[in-house]
Amino acid sequence: MSSAELLIDARGLNTYYGQSHILRGIDFQVGRGETIGLMGRNGMGKSTLLKSLMGLVRPRSGTVRIAGRDMAGCAPYEVAQRGIAYVPEGRGIFGNLSVVENLRMAARPGTRGQRDWTYERVLDTFPRLKERLGHGGQQLSGGEQQMLTIGRALMTNPDVLILDEATEGLAPLIAREIWRICGLIRETGISSVIVDKNWKQVTQVTDRNLILVKGEVVFSGTSAQLRAQPQLLEQHLGV
């Protein structure tokens, strides 16, 4: 894939928390229209990688280019303005705002002026939210909060949607709904990065996958290649 097609192009990332060396020379790319799975056990650096891309944590060395522009040292809002929407672990919705307010406050055209994701389209995609419009964020169930935070991210009309722990702690029925939405987002052409422990579901919606172990990439390949290596899954994901 040419550099012109890369929406995220991170090279040689070394990120520390104090003296702890978390990311060790990570390369990570996301092309236009690609869906990438990011896997690994807890504490292996997945969230740190996402935060390093978003400007929430500053790598000690390496480069992060978003849509061709060097974003090293830029604030998270500047990264977001380049078309990256981040759904963090823990969701981060505004509990004192209603569902309507959480959605409408995020509405804006995308980097190319696109307005594909409107308020109406988000509610059509998440019919459960339509039934909760007047509810405050804190009144929603965990699954409804996750739908709201994904819907809010889509209201920014992003080029890349990053989902950290997409279905963590959700009931199976709600988790299935989230996976359906991930497939739908892929079909619309938005690139995605998905972190989740359910590798079977992840590989059903992803084009490529990376596995991190102690801050290093130990596997990078297609979903078919990963599914064909059960010993790798057992070793690094404990399935």
C-alpha atoms as a PDB file:
ATOM      1  CA  MET A   1       0.000   0.000   0.000  1.00  0.00           C
ATOM      2  CA  SER A   2       1.393   3.391  -0.982  1.00  0.00           C
ATOM      3  CA  SER A   3       2.005   6.037   1.669  1.00  0.00           C
ATOM      4  CA  ALA A   4      -0.700   8.166   0.049  1.00  0.00           C
ATOM      5  CA  GLU A   5      -3.299   5.520   0.945  1.00  0.00           C
ATOM      6  CA  LEU A   6      -2.241   5.260   4.590  1.00  0.00           C
ATOM      7  CA  LEU A   7      -4.512   7.079   7.022  1.00  0.00           C
ATOM      8  CA  ILE A   8      -2.325   6.067   9.979  1.00  0.00           C
ATOM      9  CA  ASP A   9       1.375   5.438   9.514  1.00  0.00           C
ATOM     10  CA  ALA A  10       3.315   4.934  12.755  1.00  0.00           C
ATOM     11  CA  ARG A  11       6.958   3.887  12.618  1.00  0.00           C
ATOM     12  CA  GLY A  12       9.389   2.853  15.305  1.00  0.00           C
ATOM     13  CA  LEU A  13       7.244   3.841  18.279  1.00  0.00           C
ATOM     14  CA  ASN A  14       8.936   3.605  21.664  1.00  0.00           C
ATOM     15  CA  THR A  15       6.624   4.649  24.480  1.00  0.00           C
ATOM     16  CA  TYR A  16       7.424   4.691  28.177  1.00  0.00           C
ATOM     17  CA  TYR A  17       5.496   5.143  31.391  1.00  0.00           C
ATOM     18  CA  GLY A  18       8.179   6.528  33.655  1.00  0.00           C
ATOM     19  CA  GLN A  19      11.032   4.025  33.467  1.00  0.00           C
ATOM     20  CA  SER A  20       8.829   1.256  32.050  1.00  0.00           C
ATOM     21  CA  HIS A  21       9.436   0.642  28.349  1.00  0.00           C
ATOM     22  CA  ILE A  22       5.948  -0.262  27.068  1.00  0.00           C
ATOM     23  CA  LEU A  23       6.082  -0.052  23.250  1.00  0.00           C
ATOM     24  CA  ARG A  24       9.275  -1.339  21.683  1.00  0.00           C
ATOM     25  CA  GLY A  25       9.824  -0.161  18.124  1.00  0.00           C
ATOM     26  CA  ILE A  26       6.238  -0.666  16.944  1.00  0.00           C
ATOM     27  CA  ASP A  27       5.257  -0.125  13.302  1.00  0.00           C
ATOM     28  CA  PHE A  28       1.508   0.227  12.730  1.00  0.00           C
ATOM     29  CA  GLN A  29      -0.342   1.199   9.548  1.00  0.00           C
ATOM     30  CA  VAL A  30      -4.004   1.573   8.631  1.00  0.00           C
ATOM     31  CA  GLY A  31      -4.980   2.042   5.003  1.00  0.00           C
ATOM     32  CA  ARG A  32      -8.121   3.619   3.631  1.00  0.00           C
ATOM     33  CA  GLY A  33     -11.021   1.184   3.956  1.00  0.00           C
ATOM     34  CA  GLU A  34      -9.035  -1.305   6.059  1.00  0.00           C
ATOM     35  CA  THR A  35     -10.272  -2.936   9.252  1.00  0.00           C
ATOM     36  CA  ILE A  36      -7.453  -3.951  11.585  1.00  0.00           C
ATOM     37  CA  GLY A  37      -7.630  -6.193  14.653  1.00  0.00           C
ATOM     38  CA  LEU A  38      -5.249  -5.437  17.506  1.00  0.00           C
ATOM     39  CA  MET A  39      -4.861  -8.364  19.877  1.00  0.00           C
ATOM     40  CA  GLY A  40      -2.872  -9.504  22.886  1.00  0.00           C
ATOM     41  CA  ARG A  41      -3.345 -10.321  26.527  1.00  0.00           C
ATOM     42  CA  ASN A  42      -3.869  -7.591  29.108  1.00  0.00           C
ATOM     43  CA  GLY A  43      -0.860  -5.380  29.735  1.00  0.00           C
ATOM     44  CA  MET A  44       0.829  -6.061  26.390  1.00  0.00           C
ATOM     45  CA  GLY A  45       0.617  -2.492  25.083  1.00  0.00           C
ATOM     46  CA  LYS A  46      -2.569  -2.361  23.025  1.00  0.00           C
ATOM     47  CA  SER A  47      -4.149   0.635  24.759  1.00  0.00           C
ATOM     48  CA  THR A  48      -0.765   2.361  24.985  1.00  0.00           C
ATOM     49  CA  LEU A  49      -0.391   2.030  21.213  1.00  0.00           C
ATOM     50  CA  LEU A  50      -3.817   3.581  20.653  1.00  0.00           C
ATOM     51  CA  LYS A  51      -3.066   6.409  23.084  1.00  0.00           C
ATOM     52  CA  SER A  52       0.277   7.002  21.350  1.00  0.00           C
ATOM     53  CA  LEU A  53      -1.541   7.339  18.012  1.00  0.00           C
ATOM     54  CA  MET A  54      -4.132   9.701  19.501  1.00  0.00           C
ATOM     55  CA  GLY A  55      -1.649  12.034  21.199  1.00  0.00           C
ATOM     56  CA  LEU A  56      -2.830  11.025  24.681  1.00  0.00           C
ATOM     57  CA  VAL A  57       0.626   9.612  25.405  1.00  0.00           C
ATOM     58  CA  ARG A  58       3.748  10.984  23.751  1.00  0.00           C
ATOM     59  CA  PRO A  59       6.174   8.369  22.393  1.00  0.00           C
ATOM     60  CA  ARG A  60       9.794   8.926  23.336  1.00  0.00           C
ATOM     61  CA  SER A  61      10.830   8.150  19.765  1.00  0.00           C
ATOM     62  CA  GLY A  62       9.256   7.235  16.435  1.00  0.00           C
ATOM     63  CA  THR A  63       6.849   8.985  14.076  1.00  0.00           C
ATOM     64  CA  VAL A  64       3.083   9.154  13.787  1.00  0.00           C
ATOM     65  CA  ARG A  65       1.688  10.385  10.482  1.00  0.00           C
ATOM     66  CA  ILE A  66      -2.067  10.873  10.132  1.00  0.00           C
ATOM     67  CA  ALA A  67      -3.257  11.194   6.526  1.00  0.00           C
ATOM     68  CA  GLY A  68       0.285  12.095   5.515  1.00  0.00           C
ATOM     69  CA  ARG A  69       0.914  14.750   8.171  1.00  0.00           C
ATOM     70  CA  ASP A  70       3.427  14.358  10.986  1.00  0.00           C
ATOM     71  CA  MET A  71       1.376  14.544  14.198  1.00  0.00           C
ATOM     72  CA  ALA A  72       4.140  13.849  16.717  1.00  0.00           C
ATOM     73  CA  GLY A  73       3.566  16.016  19.764  1.00  0.00           C
ATOM     74  CA  CYS A  74       0.125  17.176  18.630  1.00  0.00           C
ATOM     75  CA  ALA A  75      -2.827  17.350  21.005  1.00  0.00           C
ATOM     76  CA  PRO A  76      -5.585  14.709  20.833  1.00  0.00           C
ATOM     77  CA  TYR A  77      -8.096  17.197  19.412  1.00  0.00           C
ATOM     78  CA  GLU A  78      -5.715  17.895  16.515  1.00  0.00           C
ATOM     79  CA  VAL A  79      -5.491  14.170  15.760  1.00  0.00           C
ATOM     80  CA  ALA A  80      -9.301  13.968  15.905  1.00  0.00           C
ATOM     81  CA  GLN A  81      -9.544  16.844  13.436  1.00  0.00           C
ATOM     82  CA  ARG A  82      -7.522  14.747  10.987  1.00  0.00           C
ATOM     83  CA  GLY A  83     -10.379  12.235  10.900  1.00  0.00           C
ATOM     84  CA  ILE A  84      -9.579   9.807  13.720  1.00  0.00           C
ATOM     85  CA  ALA A  85     -12.420   8.930  16.122  1.00  0.00           C
ATOM     86  CA  TYR A  86     -11.494   7.151  19.350  1.00  0.00           C
ATOM     87  CA  VAL A  87     -13.841   5.044  21.457  1.00  0.00           C
ATOM     88  CA  PRO A  88     -11.797   4.462  24.629  1.00  0.00           C
ATOM     89  CA  GLU A  89     -12.014   1.592  27.052  1.00  0.00           C
ATOM     90  CA  GLY A  90     -14.496   2.810  29.654  1.00  0.00           C
ATOM     91  CA  ARG A  91     -16.478   4.685  26.977  1.00  0.00           C
ATOM     92  CA  GLY A  92     -16.155   8.243  28.268  1.00  0.00           C
ATOM     93  CA  ILE A  93     -19.684   9.440  27.600  1.00  0.00           C
ATOM     94  CA  PHE A  94     -21.035  12.512  29.382  1.00  0.00           C
ATOM     95  CA  GLY A  95     -23.237  11.098  32.120  1.00  0.00           C
ATOM     96  CA  ASN A  96     -24.957  14.407  32.879  1.00  0.00           C
ATOM     97  CA  LEU A  97     -25.992  14.925  29.232  1.00  0.00           C
ATOM     98  CA  SER A  98     -28.879  13.197  27.499  1.00  0.00           C
ATOM     99  CA  VAL A  99     -28.463  10.764  24.619  1.00  0.00           C
ATOM    100  CA  VAL A 100     -29.533  13.542  22.229  1.00  0.00           C
ATOM    101  CA  GLU A 101     -26.999  15.978  23.661  1.00  0.00           C
ATOM    102  CA  ASN A 102     -24.159  13.421  23.615  1.00  0.00           C
ATOM    103  CA  LEU A 103     -24.818  12.800  19.920  1.00  0.00           C
ATOM    104  CA  ARG A 104     -25.516  16.333  18.710  1.00  0.00           C
ATOM    105  CA  MET A 105     -22.486  17.862  20.408  1.00  0.00           C
ATOM    106  CA  ALA A 106     -20.212  15.650  18.274  1.00  0.00           C
ATOM    107  CA  ALA A 107     -21.844  16.353  14.918  1.00  0.00           C
ATOM    108  CA  ARG A 108     -19.538  17.729  12.262  1.00  0.00           C
ATOM    109  CA  PRO A 109     -18.532  17.055   8.660  1.00  0.00           C
ATOM    110  CA  GLY A 110     -15.550  14.810   7.986  1.00  0.00           C
ATOM    111  CA  THR A 111     -12.158  15.715   6.550  1.00  0.00           C
ATOM    112  CA  ARG A 112     -13.509  15.666   2.982  1.00  0.00           C
ATOM    113  CA  GLY A 113     -16.691  17.508   3.924  1.00  0.00           C
ATOM    114  CA  GLN A 114     -18.648  14.254   4.078  1.00  0.00           C
ATOM    115  CA  ARG A 115     -21.820  14.167   6.156  1.00  0.00           C
ATOM    116  CA  ASP A 116     -22.708  10.501   5.673  1.00  0.00           C
ATOM    117  CA  TRP A 117     -23.423   9.916   9.359  1.00  0.00           C
ATOM    118  CA  THR A 118     -26.285  12.130  10.431  1.00  0.00           C
ATOM    119  CA  TYR A 119     -28.215  12.131  13.688  1.00  0.00           C
ATOM    120  CA  GLU A 120     -31.039  10.265  11.945  1.00  0.00           C
ATOM    121  CA  ARG A 121     -28.718   7.629  10.496  1.00  0.00           C
ATOM    122  CA  VAL A 122     -27.110   6.950  13.865  1.00  0.00           C
ATOM    123  CA  LEU A 123     -30.536   6.443  15.462  1.00  0.00           C
ATOM    124  CA  ASP A 124     -31.577   4.147  12.620  1.00  0.00           C
ATOM    125  CA  THR A 125     -28.378   2.147  13.191  1.00  0.00           C
ATOM    126  CA  PHE A 126     -28.904   2.028  16.966  1.00  0.00           C
ATOM    127  CA  PRO A 127     -32.678   1.719  17.424  1.00  0.00           C
ATOM    128  CA  ARG A 128     -32.188   1.103  21.143  1.00  0.00           C
ATOM    129  CA  LEU A 129     -30.834   4.653  21.493  1.00  0.00           C
ATOM    130  CA  LYS A 130     -33.933   6.014  19.798  1.00  0.00           C
ATOM    131  CA  GLU A 131     -35.928   4.661  22.741  1.00  0.00           C
ATOM    132  CA  ARG A 132     -33.619   6.403  25.239  1.00  0.00           C
ATOM    133  CA  LEU A 133     -33.244   9.896  23.777  1.00  0.00           C
ATOM    134  CA  GLY A 134     -34.157  11.769  26.951  1.00  0.00           C
ATOM    135  CA  HIS A 135     -32.145   9.550  29.263  1.00  0.00           C
ATOM    136  CA  GLY A 136     -28.940  10.840  30.784  1.00  0.00           C
ATOM    137  CA  GLY A 137     -25.770   8.968  29.948  1.00  0.00           C
ATOM    138  CA  GLN A 138     -25.526   7.634  33.498  1.00  0.00           C
ATOM    139  CA  GLN A 139     -29.014   6.091  33.191  1.00  0.00           C
ATOM    140  CA  LEU A 140     -27.996   3.816  30.321  1.00  0.00           C
ATOM    141  CA  SER A 141     -26.867   0.215  30.623  1.00  0.00           C
ATOM    142  CA  GLY A 142     -23.278  -0.660  29.725  1.00  0.00           C
ATOM    143  CA  GLY A 143     -24.340  -1.889  26.315  1.00  0.00           C
ATOM    144  CA  GLU A 144     -26.367   1.244  25.632  1.00  0.00           C
ATOM    145  CA  GLN A 145     -23.425   3.396  26.691  1.00  0.00           C
ATOM    146  CA  GLN A 146     -21.202   1.541  24.238  1.00  0.00           C
ATOM    147  CA  MET A 147     -23.745   2.097  21.452  1.00  0.00           C
ATOM    148  CA  LEU A 148     -23.893   5.769  22.376  1.00  0.00           C
ATOM    149  CA  THR A 149     -20.140   6.245  22.333  1.00  0.00           C
ATOM    150  CA  ILE A 150     -19.837   4.511  18.939  1.00  0.00           C
ATOM    151  CA  GLY A 151     -22.738   6.581  17.622  1.00  0.00           C
ATOM    152  CA  ARG A 152     -21.123   9.755  18.936  1.00  0.00           C
ATOM    153  CA  ALA A 153     -17.857   8.832  17.189  1.00  0.00           C
ATOM    154  CA  LEU A 154     -19.713   8.237  13.925  1.00  0.00           C
ATOM    155  CA  MET A 155     -21.310  11.690  14.208  1.00  0.00           C
ATOM    156  CA  THR A 156     -17.825  13.133  13.550  1.00  0.00           C
ATOM    157  CA  ASN A 157     -17.849  11.391  10.135  1.00  0.00           C
ATOM    158  CA  PRO A 158     -14.418   9.874  10.723  1.00  0.00           C
ATOM    159  CA  ASP A 159     -12.001   8.305   8.276  1.00  0.00           C
ATOM    160  CA  VAL A 160     -10.791   5.899  10.987  1.00  0.00           C
ATOM    161  CA  LEU A 161     -12.772   4.580  13.964  1.00  0.00           C
ATOM    162  CA  ILE A 162     -10.707   3.159  16.843  1.00  0.00           C
ATOM    163  CA  LEU A 163     -12.560   0.840  19.235  1.00  0.00           C
ATOM    164  CA  ASP A 164     -10.707  -0.126  22.415  1.00  0.00           C
ATOM    165  CA  GLU A 165     -12.275  -3.197  24.093  1.00  0.00           C
ATOM    166  CA  ALA A 166     -15.286  -3.168  21.790  1.00  0.00           C
ATOM    167  CA  THR A 167     -17.429  -5.639  23.753  1.00  0.00           C
ATOM    168  CA  GLU A 168     -15.701  -5.791  27.155  1.00  0.00           C
ATOM    169  CA  GLY A 169     -18.172  -6.718  29.895  1.00  0.00           C
ATOM    170  CA  LEU A 170     -21.214  -6.723  27.633  1.00  0.00           C
ATOM    171  CA  ALA A 171     -23.937  -9.363  27.649  1.00  0.00           C
ATOM    172  CA  PRO A 172     -23.706 -11.780  24.668  1.00  0.00           C
ATOM    173  CA  LEU A 173     -26.817 -10.369  23.004  1.00  0.00           C
ATOM    174  CA  ILE A 174     -25.479  -6.812  23.194  1.00  0.00           C
ATOM    175  CA  ALA A 175     -22.023  -7.946  22.084  1.00  0.00           C
ATOM    176  CA  ARG A 176     -23.556  -9.497  18.963  1.00  0.00           C
ATOM    177  CA  GLU A 177     -25.206  -6.166  18.207  1.00  0.00           C
ATOM    178  CA  ILE A 178     -21.845  -4.372  18.515  1.00  0.00           C
ATOM    179  CA  TRP A 179     -20.234  -6.868  16.118  1.00  0.00           C
ATOM    180  CA  ARG A 180     -23.086  -6.300  13.672  1.00  0.00           C
ATOM    181  CA  ILE A 181     -22.364  -2.570  13.839  1.00  0.00           C
ATOM    182  CA  CYS A 182     -18.643  -3.182  13.268  1.00  0.00           C
ATOM    183  CA  GLY A 183     -19.496  -5.092  10.093  1.00  0.00           C
ATOM    184  CA  LEU A 184     -21.837  -2.341   8.986  1.00  0.00           C
ATOM    185  CA  ILE A 185     -19.176   0.319   9.540  1.00  0.00           C
ATOM    186  CA  ARG A 186     -16.722  -1.706   7.484  1.00  0.00           C
ATOM    187  CA  GLU A 187     -19.217  -1.889   4.615  1.00  0.00           C
ATOM    188  CA  THR A 188     -19.503   1.908   4.577  1.00  0.00           C
ATOM    189  CA  GLY A 189     -15.775   2.215   3.842  1.00  0.00           C
ATOM    190  CA  ILE A 190     -14.685   3.704   7.166  1.00  0.00           C
ATOM    191  CA  SER A 191     -11.377   2.242   8.337  1.00  0.00           C
ATOM    192  CA  SER A 192     -11.418   0.672  11.799  1.00  0.00           C
ATOM    193  CA  VAL A 193      -9.025  -0.512  14.468  1.00  0.00           C
ATOM    194  CA  ILE A 194     -10.684  -2.990  16.828  1.00  0.00           C
ATOM    195  CA  VAL A 195      -9.323  -4.216  20.147  1.00  0.00           C
ATOM    196  CA  ASP A 196     -11.239  -7.125  21.669  1.00  0.00           C
ATOM    197  CA  LYS A 197     -10.495 -10.435  23.367  1.00  0.00           C
ATOM    198  CA  ASN A 198     -12.892 -12.406  21.136  1.00  0.00           C
ATOM    199  CA  TRP A 199     -10.514 -13.260  18.301  1.00  0.00           C
ATOM    200  CA  LYS A 200     -13.150 -15.309  16.447  1.00  0.00           C
ATOM    201  CA  GLN A 201     -15.441 -12.298  16.170  1.00  0.00           C
ATOM    202  CA  VAL A 202     -12.574  -9.903  15.460  1.00  0.00           C
ATOM    203  CA  THR A 203     -11.266 -11.965  12.546  1.00  0.00           C
ATOM    204  CA  GLN A 204     -14.729 -12.115  11.002  1.00  0.00           C
ATOM    205  CA  VAL A 205     -14.730  -8.355  10.434  1.00  0.00           C
ATOM    206  CA  THR A 206     -11.017  -7.560   9.979  1.00  0.00           C
ATOM    207  CA  ASP A 207      -8.701  -7.603   6.987  1.00  0.00           C
ATOM    208  CA  ARG A 208      -5.448  -7.750   8.948  1.00  0.00           C
ATOM    209  CA  ASN A 209      -4.496  -8.444  12.537  1.00  0.00           C
ATOM    210  CA  LEU A 210      -1.589  -7.732  14.843  1.00  0.00           C
ATOM    211  CA  ILE A 211      -0.745  -9.502  18.084  1.00  0.00           C
ATOM    212  CA  LEU A 212       1.308  -7.632  20.669  1.00  0.00           C
ATOM    213  CA  VAL A 213       3.423  -9.332  23.312  1.00  0.00           C
ATOM    214  CA  LYS A 214       5.261  -7.106  25.791  1.00  0.00           C
ATOM    215  CA  GLY A 215       5.126  -4.140  23.459  1.00  0.00           C
ATOM    216  CA  GLU A 216       6.354  -5.927  20.346  1.00  0.00           C
ATOM    217  CA  VAL A 217       4.519  -7.238  17.267  1.00  0.00           C
ATOM    218  CA  VAL A 218       4.736 -11.042  17.216  1.00  0.00           C
ATOM    219  CA  PHE A 219       2.202 -11.556  14.413  1.00  0.00           C
ATOM    220  CA  SER A 220       1.034  -9.418  11.527  1.00  0.00           C
ATOM    221  CA  GLY A 221      -1.091 -10.926   8.790  1.00  0.00           C
ATOM    222  CA  THR A 222      -4.523 -11.523   7.348  1.00  0.00           C
ATOM    223  CA  SER A 223      -7.437 -12.926   9.284  1.00  0.00           C
ATOM    224  CA  ALA A 224      -7.209 -16.167   7.296  1.00  0.00           C
ATOM    225  CA  GLN A 225      -3.499 -16.499   8.132  1.00  0.00           C
ATOM    226  CA  LEU A 226      -4.217 -16.005  11.827  1.00  0.00           C
ATOM    227  CA  ARG A 227      -7.068 -18.507  11.944  1.00  0.00           C
ATOM    228  CA  ALA A 228      -4.767 -21.038  10.261  1.00  0.00           C
ATOM    229  CA  GLN A 229      -2.306 -20.882  13.185  1.00  0.00           C
ATOM    230  CA  PRO A 230      -4.117 -22.262  16.244  1.00  0.00           C
ATOM    231  CA  GLN A 231      -0.821 -22.769  18.054  1.00  0.00           C
ATOM    232  CA  LEU A 232      -0.129 -19.032  17.774  1.00  0.00           C
ATOM    233  CA  LEU A 233      -3.592 -18.212  19.131  1.00  0.00           C
ATOM    234  CA  GLU A 234      -3.065 -20.618  22.024  1.00  0.00           C
ATOM    235  CA  GLN A 235       0.365 -19.243  22.833  1.00  0.00           C
ATOM    236  CA  HIS A 236      -0.410 -15.535  22.740  1.00  0.00           C
ATOM    237  CA  LEU A 237      -4.143 -15.255  23.339  1.00  0.00           C
ATOM    238  CA  GLY A 238      -4.744 -18.318  25.506  1.00  0.00           C
ATOM    239  CA  VAL A 239      -7.714 -19.628  23.574  1.00  0.00           C
END
